[in-house]
Structure formats: C-alpha cells, structure tokens
Amino acid sequence: MLSKSKAVNRFYRSEAWKQARLQKIVAANGRCEKCGGVGVDVHHIIHITPENVTDPDITLNPKNLILLCKDCHNAEHERFKKGNAPKFDSEGNLIPY
C-alpha cells in the first residue's frame, strides 16, 4: 500500500482538522452515523488526496464528514474483504496490510 503524501499527513495533524473532527463527533453525539454504534473515525465522504488536500470544502466541510465505528469505516474502505482478511503474527498482533 502506498504511503500518503506528506501534505495529507500534515493535514491530519493540523489543528483545523482536530477541530473539524471534534465538531463532527459532537454533532453526531458520538454515534456511528451508519449503524448507531460507538463512533471512532471521522471519515471523508470525498476522500482526501494530494490534489484536494488544500480545499477546505473537501477537507473541513461538515457535509463531507461522517462519523463511523471501526467496522463501518473498514467496510467503507473495503478492508478485510474476502481474500483481504486481517492477519496476525504468532503473538496475536495485527500485521498491517
């Protein structure tokens, strides 16, 4: 898997993102907006790319954000589909895919 660009990584460490993320969590009452479970990940509906990372209508717009639980976030990114199941080492630690 390719690593994210430095600009995208920098965005996710920014105060602006931290504030937008917190506002989304509060607005959703901490609940996954798909299943109602405990929300932990604020997901961008239109994904962040190196090309759009400087566009606040994409990166910080509450209408482009959704609070998801881990399972719904993994499903959104099609992680852990058949043939792409999580793998663990001999000590039970998750091996990054």
C-alpha atoms as a PDB file:
ATOM      1  CA  MET A   1       0.000   0.000   0.000  1.00  0.00           C
ATOM      2  CA  LEU A   2       1.376   3.409  -0.936  1.00  0.00           C
ATOM      3  CA  SER A   3       2.000   5.859   1.862  1.00  0.00           C
ATOM      4  CA  LYS A   4       0.000   9.063   1.962  1.00  0.00           C
ATOM      5  CA  SER A   5       1.627  12.225   0.735  1.00  0.00           C
ATOM      6  CA  LYS A   6       3.323  14.489   3.233  1.00  0.00           C
ATOM      7  CA  ALA A   7       0.665  17.158   2.629  1.00  0.00           C
ATOM      8  CA  VAL A   8      -2.144  14.737   3.524  1.00  0.00           C
ATOM      9  CA  ASN A   9      -0.298  13.526   6.629  1.00  0.00           C
ATOM     10  CA  ARG A  10       0.332  17.136   7.648  1.00  0.00           C
ATOM     11  CA  PHE A  11      -3.376  17.925   7.215  1.00  0.00           C
ATOM     12  CA  TYR A  12      -4.408  15.111   9.567  1.00  0.00           C
ATOM     13  CA  ARG A  13      -2.081  16.546  12.243  1.00  0.00           C
ATOM     14  CA  SER A  14      -3.408  20.109  11.836  1.00  0.00           C
ATOM     15  CA  GLU A  15      -5.405  21.999  14.449  1.00  0.00           C
ATOM     16  CA  ALA A  16      -8.054  22.753  11.799  1.00  0.00           C
ATOM     17  CA  TRP A  17      -8.630  19.006  11.281  1.00  0.00           C
ATOM     18  CA  LYS A  18      -8.650  18.291  15.006  1.00  0.00           C
ATOM     19  CA  GLN A  19     -11.355  20.937  15.482  1.00  0.00           C
ATOM     20  CA  ALA A  20     -13.445  19.750  12.498  1.00  0.00           C
ATOM     21  CA  ARG A  21     -13.158  16.151  13.738  1.00  0.00           C
ATOM     22  CA  LEU A  22     -14.246  17.086  17.260  1.00  0.00           C
ATOM     23  CA  GLN A  23     -17.170  19.137  15.950  1.00  0.00           C
ATOM     24  CA  LYS A  24     -18.346  16.150  13.867  1.00  0.00           C
ATOM     25  CA  ILE A  25     -18.106  13.788  16.844  1.00  0.00           C
ATOM     26  CA  VAL A  26     -20.164  16.192  18.978  1.00  0.00           C
ATOM     27  CA  ALA A  27     -22.719  16.786  16.193  1.00  0.00           C
ATOM     28  CA  ALA A  28     -23.195  13.011  15.803  1.00  0.00           C
ATOM     29  CA  ASN A  29     -23.447  12.523  19.589  1.00  0.00           C
ATOM     30  CA  GLY A  30     -20.501  10.126  19.385  1.00  0.00           C
ATOM     31  CA  ARG A  31     -22.551   7.562  17.430  1.00  0.00           C
ATOM     32  CA  CYS A  32     -21.737   5.888  14.129  1.00  0.00           C
ATOM     33  CA  GLU A  33     -23.924   7.537  11.531  1.00  0.00           C
ATOM     34  CA  LYS A  34     -24.393   4.222   9.695  1.00  0.00           C
ATOM     35  CA  CYS A  35     -25.150   1.679  12.416  1.00  0.00           C
ATOM     36  CA  GLY A  36     -25.541   3.679  15.642  1.00  0.00           C
ATOM     37  CA  GLY A  37     -22.566   2.037  17.339  1.00  0.00           C
ATOM     38  CA  VAL A  38     -19.782   3.933  19.053  1.00  0.00           C
ATOM     39  CA  GLY A  39     -18.261   6.318  16.519  1.00  0.00           C
ATOM     40  CA  VAL A  40     -14.474   6.489  16.485  1.00  0.00           C
ATOM     41  CA  ASP A  41     -13.411   7.541  12.971  1.00  0.00           C
ATOM     42  CA  VAL A  42     -14.406  10.723  11.177  1.00  0.00           C
ATOM     43  CA  HIS A  43     -14.440   9.718   7.514  1.00  0.00           C
ATOM     44  CA  HIS A  44     -14.258  11.981   4.466  1.00  0.00           C
ATOM     45  CA  ILE A  45     -17.040  11.075   2.023  1.00  0.00           C
ATOM     46  CA  ILE A  46     -14.979  12.576  -0.791  1.00  0.00           C
ATOM     47  CA  HIS A  47     -11.572  11.171   0.109  1.00  0.00           C
ATOM     48  CA  ILE A  48      -8.589  13.411   0.751  1.00  0.00           C
ATOM     49  CA  THR A  49      -5.936  13.313  -1.953  1.00  0.00           C
ATOM     50  CA  PRO A  50      -2.725  15.275  -2.549  1.00  0.00           C
ATOM     51  CA  GLU A  51      -4.685  17.194  -5.203  1.00  0.00           C
ATOM     52  CA  ASN A  52      -7.573  18.317  -2.949  1.00  0.00           C
ATOM     53  CA  VAL A  53      -5.912  18.494   0.487  1.00  0.00           C
ATOM     54  CA  THR A  54      -5.810  22.305   0.370  1.00  0.00           C
ATOM     55  CA  ASP A  55      -9.534  22.618  -0.466  1.00  0.00           C
ATOM     56  CA  PRO A  56     -11.465  23.297   2.771  1.00  0.00           C
ATOM     57  CA  ASP A  57     -14.743  22.442   1.004  1.00  0.00           C
ATOM     58  CA  ILE A  58     -13.413  18.879   0.869  1.00  0.00           C
ATOM     59  CA  THR A  59     -11.204  18.650   3.958  1.00  0.00           C
ATOM     60  CA  LEU A  60     -13.154  20.593   6.586  1.00  0.00           C
ATOM     61  CA  ASN A  61     -16.732  20.791   5.296  1.00  0.00           C
ATOM     62  CA  PRO A  62     -19.067  19.084   7.806  1.00  0.00           C
ATOM     63  CA  LYS A  63     -21.223  17.928   4.861  1.00  0.00           C
ATOM     64  CA  ASN A  64     -18.236  15.871   3.641  1.00  0.00           C
ATOM     65  CA  LEU A  65     -17.676  14.212   7.031  1.00  0.00           C
ATOM     66  CA  ILE A  66     -19.369  11.213   8.607  1.00  0.00           C
ATOM     67  CA  LEU A  67     -18.673   9.621  11.995  1.00  0.00           C
ATOM     68  CA  LEU A  68     -18.209   5.853  11.727  1.00  0.00           C
ATOM     69  CA  CYS A  69     -17.442   2.941  14.026  1.00  0.00           C
ATOM     70  CA  LYS A  70     -14.398   0.812  13.157  1.00  0.00           C
ATOM     71  CA  ASP A  71     -16.472  -1.857  11.371  1.00  0.00           C
ATOM     72  CA  CYS A  72     -18.347   0.655   9.210  1.00  0.00           C
ATOM     73  CA  HIS A  73     -15.133   2.538   8.450  1.00  0.00           C
ATOM     74  CA  ASN A  74     -13.423  -0.690   7.394  1.00  0.00           C
ATOM     75  CA  ALA A  75     -16.425  -1.537   5.207  1.00  0.00           C
ATOM     76  CA  GLU A  76     -16.358   1.944   3.673  1.00  0.00           C
ATOM     77  CA  HIS A  77     -12.748   1.368   2.612  1.00  0.00           C
ATOM     78  CA  GLU A  78     -13.473  -2.263   1.682  1.00  0.00           C
ATOM     79  CA  ARG A  79     -10.900  -3.505   4.173  1.00  0.00           C
ATOM     80  CA  PHE A  80     -10.969  -7.110   5.306  1.00  0.00           C
ATOM     81  CA  LYS A  81     -12.986  -8.347   2.341  1.00  0.00           C
ATOM     82  CA  LYS A  82     -12.653 -11.999   1.284  1.00  0.00           C
ATOM     83  CA  GLY A  83      -9.005 -12.617   0.488  1.00  0.00           C
ATOM     84  CA  ASN A  84      -8.042  -9.489   2.390  1.00  0.00           C
ATOM     85  CA  ALA A  85      -8.807 -10.709   5.900  1.00  0.00           C
ATOM     86  CA  PRO A  86      -6.678  -9.422   8.772  1.00  0.00           C
ATOM     87  CA  LYS A  87      -3.551 -11.411   9.533  1.00  0.00           C
ATOM     88  CA  PHE A  88      -1.914 -11.855  12.915  1.00  0.00           C
ATOM     89  CA  ASP A  89       1.623 -12.768  13.962  1.00  0.00           C
ATOM     90  CA  SER A  90       2.458 -15.655  16.322  1.00  0.00           C
ATOM     91  CA  GLU A  91       1.848 -13.395  19.324  1.00  0.00           C
ATOM     92  CA  GLY A  92      -1.591 -12.337  18.157  1.00  0.00           C
ATOM     93  CA  ASN A  93      -0.602  -8.859  16.973  1.00  0.00           C
ATOM     94  CA  LEU A  94      -2.296  -7.473  13.877  1.00  0.00           C
ATOM     95  CA  ILE A  95       0.003  -7.422  10.865  1.00  0.00           C
ATOM     96  CA  PRO A  96      -0.583  -4.219   8.848  1.00  0.00           C
ATOM     97  CA  TYR A  97      -1.899  -4.966   5.381  1.00  0.00           C
END
